[in-house]
Amino acid sequence: MSKRIGIYAGTFDPITNGHVDLILRASHLVDHLVVGVAKHTDKENLFSLDQRLEMVKTVLSTVDKSQGTTDIEVTDFGGLLVNYAVEMNASMLIRGLRAVSDFEYEFKMAVMNARLAPKLETVFLMASDKSQFISSRFIKEISKLGGDVSAFVSPYVHQQLIKQHRKASNA
């Protein structure tokens, strides 16, 4: 029997508790989960690719994996997600949904991905009730304006946000 490989991809700028929740839940669906950190995006990132990779790796190294999570690998990728998935021998893309507004975009993306890579399935996971409202964009904005985001990100990411905003304000 072949190994079920899934990919959960995003910019993770920064990784939030909502991302971590989805990663852990997705890891139960596959034998090997690849967390793909996107190199190039249309978004203006607060953190560099190296910083985002480091944050994801650090946060995932500290989570409780006693619940039987599978093998999780963190890598970066550029270009089309479906090409990356084929390269990684993945059979499944895992996407998170927070609200109805996410569904329309994600549905269109899933349809296009199915046209580009017909053997690749897209699986949608609903955000848990604790993290439905968490988005990296909100985290960055609240943090930039001096708000406390410690309930929405790991302590490590919280410290990285503080450092990044200090650095930007001193520039």
Protein backbone atom coordinates (compact mmCIF):
# COMPACT_ATOMS: atom_id res chain seq x y z
CA MET A 1 0.00 0.00 0.00
CA SER A 2 1.38 3.41 -0.92
CA LYS A 3 2.03 6.10 1.60
CA ARG A 4 -0.67 8.80 1.78
CA ILE A 5 1.08 12.16 1.49
CA GLY A 6 -0.79 15.39 2.06
CA ILE A 7 0.22 19.01 1.66
CA TYR A 8 -0.94 21.92 3.75
CA ALA A 9 0.46 25.06 2.15
CA GLY A 10 0.39 28.74 2.95
CA THR A 11 2.47 31.82 3.55
CA PHE A 12 2.41 31.41 7.35
CA ASP A 13 3.20 35.09 7.84
CA PRO A 14 3.11 34.35 10.74
CA ILE A 15 1.97 30.86 11.70
CA THR A 16 -1.02 31.10 14.06
CA ASN A 17 -2.67 28.75 16.53
CA GLY A 18 -5.33 28.24 13.85
CA HIS A 19 -2.69 26.96 11.43
CA VAL A 20 -1.27 24.65 14.08
CA ASP A 21 -4.73 23.25 14.85
CA LEU A 22 -5.30 22.47 11.17
CA ILE A 23 -1.83 20.95 10.77
CA LEU A 24 -2.36 18.60 13.71
CA ARG A 25 -5.82 17.59 12.53
CA ALA A 26 -4.63 17.15 8.93
CA SER A 27 -1.78 14.96 10.12
CA HIS A 28 -4.36 12.35 11.19
CA LEU A 29 -5.61 12.04 7.61
CA VAL A 30 -2.30 11.10 6.01
CA ASP A 31 0.83 9.06 6.65
CA HIS A 32 3.09 12.02 5.91
CA LEU A 33 2.12 15.69 6.00
CA VAL A 34 4.18 18.29 4.18
CA VAL A 35 3.75 21.84 5.40
CA GLY A 36 4.68 23.97 2.41
CA VAL A 37 5.76 27.55 3.05
CA ALA A 38 5.20 29.61 -0.08
CA LYS A 39 8.24 31.52 -1.38
CA HIS A 40 6.46 33.92 -3.70
CA THR A 41 3.07 35.36 -3.00
CA ASP A 42 0.97 38.32 -4.01
CA LYS A 43 0.88 39.28 -0.36
CA GLU A 44 3.34 41.69 1.22
CA ASN A 45 5.01 39.59 3.87
CA LEU A 46 6.12 40.91 7.24
CA PHE A 47 8.64 38.08 7.61
CA SER A 48 11.20 36.74 5.13
CA LEU A 49 10.94 33.19 3.81
CA ASP A 50 13.74 32.07 6.15
CA GLN A 51 12.00 33.65 9.14
CA ARG A 52 8.67 32.03 8.24
CA LEU A 53 10.30 28.62 7.79
CA GLU A 54 12.06 28.96 11.14
CA MET A 55 8.83 29.98 12.89
CA VAL A 56 6.88 27.05 11.45
CA LYS A 57 9.62 24.55 12.33
CA THR A 58 10.06 25.96 15.83
CA VAL A 59 6.34 26.05 16.60
CA LEU A 60 5.75 22.53 15.29
CA SER A 61 8.72 21.19 17.27
CA THR A 62 7.03 22.33 20.48
CA VAL A 63 3.48 21.00 19.93
CA ASP A 64 2.17 17.97 21.76
CA LYS A 65 2.42 15.08 19.32
CA SER A 66 1.24 12.48 21.84
CA GLN A 67 -2.10 12.27 20.07
CA GLY A 68 -0.57 10.08 17.38
CA THR A 69 0.18 12.68 14.74
CA THR A 70 2.01 11.39 11.71
CA ASP A 71 5.27 12.43 10.21
CA ILE A 72 5.32 16.20 9.53
CA GLU A 73 7.87 17.81 7.22
CA VAL A 74 8.31 21.55 6.65
CA THR A 75 9.65 22.77 3.32
CA ASP A 76 9.41 25.82 1.12
CA PHE A 77 8.12 25.92 -2.42
CA GLY A 78 7.78 28.29 -5.34
CA GLY A 79 5.50 28.19 -8.33
CA LEU A 80 2.24 26.32 -8.65
CA LEU A 81 1.06 24.36 -5.64
CA VAL A 82 -0.08 21.46 -7.84
CA ASN A 83 3.41 21.14 -9.33
CA TYR A 84 4.88 21.10 -5.83
CA ALA A 85 2.34 18.45 -4.80
CA VAL A 86 3.25 16.24 -7.77
CA GLU A 87 6.96 16.73 -6.98
CA MET A 88 6.31 15.64 -3.37
CA ASN A 89 4.22 12.61 -4.51
CA ALA A 90 1.22 13.98 -2.65
CA SER A 91 -2.28 12.71 -3.28
CA MET A 92 -4.06 15.35 -1.24
CA LEU A 93 -4.09 19.10 -0.71
CA ILE A 94 -5.47 20.17 2.64
CA ARG A 95 -7.12 23.56 2.86
CA GLY A 96 -8.63 25.30 5.85
CA LEU A 97 -11.96 27.09 5.86
CA ARG A 98 -12.85 29.70 8.46
CA ALA A 99 -16.01 31.21 7.01
CA VAL A 100 -18.26 31.20 3.98
CA SER A 101 -16.08 33.90 2.42
CA ASP A 102 -13.13 31.46 2.42
CA PHE A 103 -15.21 28.80 0.69
CA GLU A 104 -15.80 30.68 -2.56
CA TYR A 105 -12.09 31.35 -3.10
CA GLU A 106 -11.01 27.87 -2.00
CA PHE A 107 -13.69 26.19 -4.12
CA LYS A 108 -12.48 28.01 -7.26
CA MET A 109 -8.91 27.08 -6.42
CA ALA A 110 -9.84 23.42 -5.88
CA VAL A 111 -11.64 23.27 -9.24
CA MET A 112 -8.65 24.77 -11.04
CA ASN A 113 -6.22 22.47 -9.23
CA ALA A 114 -8.36 19.47 -10.23
CA ARG A 115 -8.08 20.55 -13.88
CA LEU A 116 -4.30 20.92 -13.60
CA ALA A 117 -3.71 17.71 -11.60
CA PRO A 118 -6.76 15.40 -11.81
CA LYS A 119 -5.33 12.78 -9.42
CA LEU A 120 -4.79 15.34 -6.67
CA GLU A 121 -7.70 15.61 -4.22
CA THR A 122 -8.50 18.72 -2.21
CA VAL A 123 -9.76 18.17 1.32
CA PHE A 124 -11.32 21.03 3.25
CA LEU A 125 -11.07 21.19 7.02
CA MET A 126 -13.23 23.60 8.96
CA ALA A 127 -11.41 25.77 11.44
CA SER A 128 -12.16 24.83 15.02
CA ASP A 129 -14.49 27.09 16.97
CA LYS A 130 -11.47 28.46 18.88
CA SER A 131 -9.70 29.61 15.74
CA GLN A 132 -12.37 30.53 13.20
CA PHE A 133 -11.63 34.24 13.48
CA ILE A 134 -7.82 34.05 13.52
CA SER A 135 -6.01 35.25 10.42
CA SER A 136 -2.36 36.16 9.95
CA ARG A 137 -3.43 39.50 8.48
CA PHE A 138 -5.38 40.40 11.64
CA ILE A 139 -2.55 39.17 13.86
CA LYS A 140 -0.02 41.38 12.04
CA GLU A 141 -2.29 44.45 12.17
CA ILE A 142 -3.24 44.07 15.84
CA SER A 143 0.37 43.42 16.80
CA LYS A 144 1.64 46.39 14.77
CA LEU A 145 -0.79 48.68 16.61
CA GLY A 146 0.36 47.40 20.00
CA GLY A 147 -2.44 44.94 20.70
CA ASP A 148 -1.92 41.69 22.56
CA VAL A 149 -2.02 38.70 20.18
CA SER A 150 -0.52 36.20 22.62
CA ALA A 151 -3.75 34.16 22.71
CA PHE A 152 -3.61 33.60 18.95
CA VAL A 153 0.02 32.63 18.35
CA SER A 154 2.69 30.64 20.15
CA PRO A 155 4.94 32.47 22.64
CA TYR A 156 7.81 32.14 20.14
CA VAL A 157 5.83 33.77 17.32
CA HIS A 158 4.59 36.46 19.69
CA GLN A 159 8.20 37.39 20.49
CA GLN A 160 9.11 37.38 16.79
CA LEU A 161 6.23 39.78 16.05
CA ILE A 162 7.37 42.15 18.80
CA LYS A 163 10.96 42.07 17.49
CA GLN A 164 9.88 42.60 13.89
CA HIS A 165 7.66 45.57 14.74
CA ARG A 166 10.41 47.13 16.88
CA LYS A 167 12.86 46.74 14.04
CA ALA A 168 10.42 48.34 11.58
CA SER A 169 9.69 51.28 13.88
CA ASN A 170 13.40 51.94 14.43
CA ALA A 171 14.14 51.93 10.70
